[in-house]
Every structure is written in structure tokens, then in C-alpha cells.
Amino acid sequence: VRTTLDLSRGFSLIPALGFAQTQQGERDAELRTTYALAAQHRTPGGRLATTASLSNSRLHAGGSLQAALSSRFRLTAADMVTLSLRSNHVSGLETAEGEFREQTVSLQWSRAIR
């Protein structure tokens, strides 16, 4: 379940809550819960939009925590540049380490073909 709360003309909050039940073979059913909150700011005219988000997903003793920051800038009517930073921490894995962390940075240029 997700909704968008427009707090002002250029600022929105997006809370989310999710539940998923799965069952594999003869195992007991498992319930995964996900909680998330995102915020988005858009400048007047819409040339720049920045979004920050945080989500937490739990299954038994394990789960994941994800954070992201993304900024999109419209250079021209056809060209857009996006910078994204992401961090992910997963725990409770059935591996020797039991967890992993990753961080990614990406820069993207896109052009609309009309």
C-alpha cells in the first residue's frame, strides 16, 4: 500500500507498507514485511527533481535496509541527467558472512527522441 502526500507545490512524502506471504514446498508459510518512506522535491518549472528514500524489509531474523538519493536535472527539452547514490545492507543470509553491504553511484544521460 502506497500513497503520495503533496505537502506543498514542490514537496511530497510517499509512505509505503507491504506484506507478502510465501510458501515453498512443505515449509511453513513465511511473512515478509516492508516499510518505506520517500521524499521528493521539485523546483518551480520542474528542471530539477530530487528524491530520497529509505526502506526496511524483514523476514524472520534477516532483512535488508536500503537508502537512496537521486537527483534529475533537465538540461534541454530532450536531455536529462540523473545522479543516483544507493546503499544496501542485507543481513540474516545463510552464508559464512551472514550479511553483505553494497554502495552504488551512477550517472545517466538520457535523450528523448521525438
N, C-alpha and C. Protein backbone atom coordinates (compact mmCIF):
# COMPACT_ATOMS: atom_id res chain seq x y z
N VAL A 1 0.86 -1.16 0.00
CA VAL A 1 0.00 0.00 0.00
C VAL A 1 0.90 1.22 0.00
N ARG A 2 0.62 2.14 -0.91
CA ARG A 2 1.45 3.32 -1.05
C ARG A 2 0.56 4.50 -1.37
N THR A 3 0.93 5.67 -0.84
CA THR A 3 0.19 6.88 -1.13
C THR A 3 1.17 8.04 -1.27
N THR A 4 0.75 9.08 -1.93
CA THR A 4 1.57 10.28 -2.08
C THR A 4 0.88 11.42 -1.35
N LEU A 5 1.63 12.06 -0.47
CA LEU A 5 1.12 13.20 0.28
C LEU A 5 1.81 14.45 -0.26
N ASP A 6 1.09 15.29 -0.99
CA ASP A 6 1.64 16.52 -1.51
C ASP A 6 1.57 17.57 -0.40
N LEU A 7 2.71 17.85 0.23
CA LEU A 7 2.73 18.78 1.35
C LEU A 7 2.80 20.23 0.89
N SER A 8 3.35 20.44 -0.29
CA SER A 8 3.37 21.77 -0.90
C SER A 8 3.46 21.56 -2.41
N ARG A 9 3.54 22.65 -3.14
CA ARG A 9 3.57 22.52 -4.60
C ARG A 9 4.79 21.75 -5.10
N GLY A 10 5.90 21.82 -4.39
CA GLY A 10 7.11 21.16 -4.85
C GLY A 10 7.63 20.06 -3.95
N PHE A 11 6.91 19.70 -2.88
CA PHE A 11 7.42 18.72 -1.93
C PHE A 11 6.36 17.66 -1.63
N SER A 12 6.77 16.38 -1.75
CA SER A 12 5.86 15.26 -1.49
C SER A 12 6.52 14.24 -0.57
N LEU A 13 5.72 13.59 0.24
CA LEU A 13 6.14 12.44 1.04
C LEU A 13 5.38 11.23 0.52
N ILE A 14 6.09 10.09 0.44
CA ILE A 14 5.48 8.87 -0.07
C ILE A 14 5.74 7.73 0.92
N PRO A 15 4.83 7.48 1.86
CA PRO A 15 4.98 6.34 2.76
C PRO A 15 4.43 5.07 2.10
N ALA A 16 5.01 3.92 2.49
CA ALA A 16 4.55 2.65 1.93
C ALA A 16 4.66 1.56 2.98
N LEU A 17 3.78 0.59 2.89
CA LEU A 17 3.77 -0.56 3.78
C LEU A 17 3.38 -1.77 2.94
N GLY A 18 4.15 -2.86 3.08
CA GLY A 18 3.86 -4.03 2.28
C GLY A 18 3.97 -5.32 3.07
N PHE A 19 3.17 -6.29 2.69
CA PHE A 19 3.20 -7.63 3.28
C PHE A 19 3.17 -8.64 2.14
N ALA A 20 3.99 -9.67 2.26
CA ALA A 20 3.99 -10.74 1.25
C ALA A 20 4.17 -12.07 1.97
N GLN A 21 3.29 -13.00 1.70
CA GLN A 21 3.37 -14.32 2.30
C GLN A 21 3.77 -15.32 1.21
N THR A 22 4.79 -16.11 1.50
CA THR A 22 5.26 -17.10 0.53
C THR A 22 5.37 -18.46 1.20
N GLN A 23 5.28 -19.49 0.38
CA GLN A 23 5.44 -20.85 0.87
C GLN A 23 6.17 -21.65 -0.20
N GLN A 24 7.22 -22.37 0.23
CA GLN A 24 7.99 -23.21 -0.69
C GLN A 24 7.86 -24.66 -0.26
N GLY A 25 7.33 -25.48 -1.15
CA GLY A 25 7.21 -26.91 -0.86
C GLY A 25 6.43 -27.17 0.41
N GLU A 26 7.02 -28.00 1.29
CA GLU A 26 6.37 -28.39 2.54
C GLU A 26 6.69 -27.45 3.69
N ARG A 27 7.48 -26.44 3.46
CA ARG A 27 7.83 -25.49 4.53
C ARG A 27 6.61 -24.69 4.98
N ASP A 28 6.70 -24.15 6.19
CA ASP A 28 5.66 -23.25 6.68
C ASP A 28 5.67 -21.96 5.86
N ALA A 29 4.52 -21.34 5.78
CA ALA A 29 4.42 -20.05 5.09
C ALA A 29 5.23 -19.00 5.85
N GLU A 30 5.84 -18.08 5.10
CA GLU A 30 6.65 -17.02 5.69
C GLU A 30 6.06 -15.67 5.30
N LEU A 31 6.10 -14.75 6.25
CA LEU A 31 5.57 -13.41 6.01
C LEU A 31 6.72 -12.40 5.98
N ARG A 32 6.82 -11.67 4.88
CA ARG A 32 7.82 -10.60 4.75
C ARG A 32 7.09 -9.26 4.88
N THR A 33 7.65 -8.37 5.67
CA THR A 33 7.09 -7.03 5.82
C THR A 33 8.08 -6.00 5.27
N THR A 34 7.55 -4.99 4.64
CA THR A 34 8.38 -3.92 4.09
C THR A 34 7.78 -2.58 4.49
N TYR A 35 8.66 -1.70 4.97
CA TYR A 35 8.28 -0.35 5.35
C TYR A 35 9.16 0.61 4.55
N ALA A 36 8.58 1.67 4.02
CA ALA A 36 9.39 2.60 3.22
C ALA A 36 8.85 4.01 3.38
N LEU A 37 9.77 4.97 3.21
CA LEU A 37 9.40 6.37 3.20
C LEU A 37 10.29 7.08 2.19
N ALA A 38 9.68 7.84 1.31
CA ALA A 38 10.42 8.61 0.32
C ALA A 38 9.95 10.06 0.39
N ALA A 39 10.84 10.95 0.02
CA ALA A 39 10.51 12.37 -0.06
C ALA A 39 11.01 12.87 -1.42
N GLN A 40 10.22 13.72 -2.05
CA GLN A 40 10.61 14.26 -3.34
C GLN A 40 10.43 15.77 -3.34
N HIS A 41 11.45 16.46 -3.87
CA HIS A 41 11.38 17.91 -4.02
C HIS A 41 11.56 18.25 -5.49
N ARG A 42 10.68 19.10 -6.00
CA ARG A 42 10.76 19.56 -7.39
C ARG A 42 10.84 21.08 -7.38
N THR A 43 11.78 21.62 -8.17
CA THR A 43 11.90 23.07 -8.25
C THR A 43 10.77 23.63 -9.11
N PRO A 44 10.43 24.90 -8.93
CA PRO A 44 9.44 25.51 -9.82
C PRO A 44 9.93 25.40 -11.28
N GLY A 45 9.06 25.02 -12.15
CA GLY A 45 9.43 24.80 -13.55
C GLY A 45 9.86 23.38 -13.81
N GLY A 46 10.15 22.61 -12.77
CA GLY A 46 10.44 21.19 -12.90
C GLY A 46 11.78 20.81 -13.51
N ARG A 47 12.74 21.74 -13.57
CA ARG A 47 14.04 21.37 -14.16
C ARG A 47 14.84 20.44 -13.27
N LEU A 48 14.66 20.56 -11.96
CA LEU A 48 15.41 19.73 -11.01
C LEU A 48 14.43 19.00 -10.09
N ALA A 49 14.61 17.70 -9.96
CA ALA A 49 13.81 16.89 -9.03
C ALA A 49 14.76 16.01 -8.24
N THR A 50 14.62 16.04 -6.91
CA THR A 50 15.47 15.25 -6.03
C THR A 50 14.59 14.35 -5.18
N THR A 51 14.99 13.08 -5.08
CA THR A 51 14.23 12.11 -4.29
C THR A 51 15.17 11.40 -3.33
N ALA A 52 14.74 11.25 -2.08
CA ALA A 52 15.46 10.48 -1.07
C ALA A 52 14.51 9.42 -0.55
N SER A 53 15.03 8.20 -0.33
CA SER A 53 14.15 7.14 0.16
C SER A 53 14.91 6.23 1.12
N LEU A 54 14.15 5.61 2.01
CA LEU A 54 14.66 4.66 2.97
C LEU A 54 13.63 3.54 3.09
N SER A 55 14.09 2.29 2.99
CA SER A 55 13.16 1.16 3.12
C SER A 55 13.80 0.06 3.95
N ASN A 56 12.95 -0.67 4.64
CA ASN A 56 13.37 -1.76 5.51
C ASN A 56 12.46 -2.95 5.22
N SER A 57 13.06 -4.08 4.90
CA SER A 57 12.30 -5.29 4.62
C SER A 57 12.77 -6.37 5.59
N ARG A 58 11.83 -7.03 6.26
CA ARG A 58 12.18 -8.03 7.28
C ARG A 58 11.55 -9.37 6.96
N LEU A 59 12.33 -10.43 7.19
CA LEU A 59 11.86 -11.80 7.08
C LEU A 59 12.59 -12.58 8.16
N HIS A 60 11.89 -13.04 9.17
CA HIS A 60 12.50 -13.71 10.34
C HIS A 60 13.56 -12.79 10.94
N ALA A 61 14.74 -13.30 11.16
CA ALA A 61 15.82 -12.51 11.76
C ALA A 61 16.60 -11.72 10.72
N GLY A 62 16.32 -11.94 9.46
CA GLY A 62 17.07 -11.27 8.39
C GLY A 62 16.26 -10.18 7.74
N GLY A 63 16.95 -9.48 6.86
CA GLY A 63 16.24 -8.45 6.12
C GLY A 63 17.20 -7.56 5.39
N SER A 64 16.66 -6.46 4.90
CA SER A 64 17.50 -5.52 4.18
C SER A 64 17.10 -4.10 4.52
N LEU A 65 18.09 -3.23 4.50
CA LEU A 65 17.90 -1.80 4.70
C LEU A 65 18.48 -1.12 3.48
N GLN A 66 17.67 -0.33 2.81
CA GLN A 66 18.11 0.34 1.58
C GLN A 66 17.88 1.84 1.71
N ALA A 67 18.87 2.61 1.27
CA ALA A 67 18.76 4.06 1.23
C ALA A 67 19.16 4.52 -0.17
N ALA A 68 18.49 5.56 -0.65
CA ALA A 68 18.80 6.05 -1.99
C ALA A 68 18.60 7.56 -2.05
N LEU A 69 19.42 8.20 -2.88
CA LEU A 69 19.31 9.62 -3.15
C LEU A 69 19.50 9.79 -4.65
N SER A 70 18.56 10.45 -5.29
CA SER A 70 18.62 10.60 -6.74
C SER A 70 18.24 12.03 -7.09
N SER A 71 19.00 12.61 -8.02
CA SER A 71 18.71 13.96 -8.48
C SER A 71 18.68 13.96 -10.00
N ARG A 72 17.63 14.52 -10.56
CA ARG A 72 17.43 14.53 -12.01
C ARG A 72 17.35 15.99 -12.48
N PHE A 73 18.16 16.32 -13.47
CA PHE A 73 18.21 17.70 -13.98
C PHE A 73 17.92 17.70 -15.48
N ARG A 74 16.93 18.51 -15.88
CA ARG A 74 16.58 18.61 -17.29
C ARG A 74 17.46 19.68 -17.92
N LEU A 75 18.37 19.26 -18.81
CA LEU A 75 19.28 20.19 -19.49
C LEU A 75 18.56 20.95 -20.59
N THR A 76 17.81 20.22 -21.40
CA THR A 76 17.03 20.80 -22.50
C THR A 76 15.68 20.10 -22.51
N ALA A 77 14.84 20.46 -23.47
CA ALA A 77 13.54 19.79 -23.57
C ALA A 77 13.70 18.30 -23.85
N ALA A 78 14.85 17.90 -24.44
CA ALA A 78 15.06 16.49 -24.80
C ALA A 78 16.10 15.79 -23.94
N ASP A 79 16.97 16.53 -23.23
CA ASP A 79 18.09 15.93 -22.50
C ASP A 79 17.92 16.01 -20.98
N MET A 80 18.23 14.88 -20.32
CA MET A 80 18.11 14.76 -18.87
C MET A 80 19.36 14.08 -18.32
N VAL A 81 19.87 14.60 -17.19
CA VAL A 81 20.99 13.98 -16.50
C VAL A 81 20.51 13.56 -15.11
N THR A 82 20.84 12.33 -14.70
CA THR A 82 20.42 11.81 -13.40
C THR A 82 21.64 11.28 -12.64
N LEU A 83 21.80 11.71 -11.40
CA LEU A 83 22.83 11.20 -10.50
C LEU A 83 22.13 10.42 -9.40
N SER A 84 22.55 9.17 -9.17
CA SER A 84 21.92 8.32 -8.16
C SER A 84 22.98 7.73 -7.23
N LEU A 85 22.69 7.76 -5.94
CA LEU A 85 23.52 7.14 -4.91
C LEU A 85 22.64 6.14 -4.17
N ARG A 86 23.14 4.92 -4.00
CA ARG A 86 22.35 3.88 -3.33
C ARG A 86 23.22 3.10 -2.36
N SER A 87 22.61 2.71 -1.26
CA SER A 87 23.27 1.87 -0.27
C SER A 87 22.32 0.76 0.13
N ASN A 88 22.86 -0.45 0.28
CA ASN A 88 22.05 -1.62 0.59
C ASN A 88 22.79 -2.46 1.63
N HIS A 89 22.11 -2.82 2.70
CA HIS A 89 22.67 -3.70 3.72
C HIS A 89 21.70 -4.86 3.92
N VAL A 90 22.17 -6.07 3.62
CA VAL A 90 21.35 -7.27 3.76
C VAL A 90 21.93 -8.12 4.88
N SER A 91 21.09 -8.58 5.80
CA SER A 91 21.55 -9.41 6.92
C SER A 91 20.71 -10.67 7.02
N GLY A 92 21.20 -11.62 7.81
CA GLY A 92 20.47 -12.87 8.03
C GLY A 92 20.59 -13.86 6.90
N LEU A 93 21.63 -13.75 6.09
CA LEU A 93 21.80 -14.67 4.97
C LEU A 93 22.36 -16.01 5.44
N GLU A 94 22.08 -17.05 4.70
CA GLU A 94 22.61 -18.37 5.03
C GLU A 94 23.95 -18.57 4.33
N THR A 95 24.90 -17.68 4.62
CA THR A 95 26.26 -17.76 4.08
C THR A 95 27.23 -17.65 5.25
N ALA A 96 28.50 -17.85 4.98
CA ALA A 96 29.52 -17.76 6.04
C ALA A 96 29.54 -16.37 6.67
N GLU A 97 29.41 -15.33 5.84
CA GLU A 97 29.44 -13.97 6.37
C GLU A 97 28.12 -13.57 7.02
N GLY A 98 27.02 -14.07 6.51
CA GLY A 98 25.71 -13.77 7.07
C GLY A 98 25.12 -12.45 6.64
N GLU A 99 25.92 -11.61 5.95
CA GLU A 99 25.41 -10.32 5.51
C GLU A 99 26.29 -9.76 4.40
N PHE A 100 25.80 -8.74 3.72
CA PHE A 100 26.64 -8.02 2.78
C PHE A 100 26.16 -6.57 2.69
N ARG A 101 27.06 -5.72 2.27
CA ARG A 101 26.76 -4.30 2.06
C ARG A 101 27.24 -3.92 0.67
N GLU A 102 26.49 -3.04 0.04
CA GLU A 102 26.91 -2.53 -1.25
C GLU A 102 26.51 -1.07 -1.38
N GLN A 103 27.33 -0.33 -2.07
CA GLN A 103 27.04 1.06 -2.37
C GLN A 103 27.25 1.24 -3.88
N THR A 104 26.36 1.97 -4.51
CA THR A 104 26.50 2.23 -5.94
C THR A 104 26.28 3.71 -6.22
N VAL A 105 27.01 4.18 -7.19
CA VAL A 105 26.86 5.55 -7.69
C VAL A 105 26.68 5.43 -9.20
N SER A 106 25.70 6.12 -9.74
CA SER A 106 25.52 6.07 -11.19
C SER A 106 25.19 7.46 -11.72
N LEU A 107 25.67 7.71 -12.91
CA LEU A 107 25.40 8.94 -13.62
C LEU A 107 24.82 8.54 -14.97
N GLN A 108 23.67 9.10 -15.30
CA GLN A 108 22.97 8.70 -16.52
C GLN A 108 22.58 9.93 -17.32
N TRP A 109 22.76 9.86 -18.61
CA TRP A 109 22.27 10.88 -19.52
C TRP A 109 21.23 10.22 -20.42
N SER A 110 20.10 10.86 -20.59
CA SER A 110 19.08 10.31 -21.48
C SER A 110 18.56 11.40 -22.40
N ARG A 111 18.16 10.98 -23.59
CA ARG A 111 17.65 11.91 -24.59
C ARG A 111 16.34 11.37 -25.14
N ALA A 112 15.34 12.20 -25.17
CA ALA A 112 14.05 11.83 -25.75
C ALA A 112 14.13 12.02 -27.25
N ILE A 113 13.75 10.98 -27.97
CA ILE A 113 13.75 11.04 -29.44
C ILE A 113 12.32 11.27 -29.88
N ARG A 114 12.14 12.34 -30.58
CA ARG A 114 10.76 12.70 -30.98
C ARG A 114 10.63 12.72 -32.46
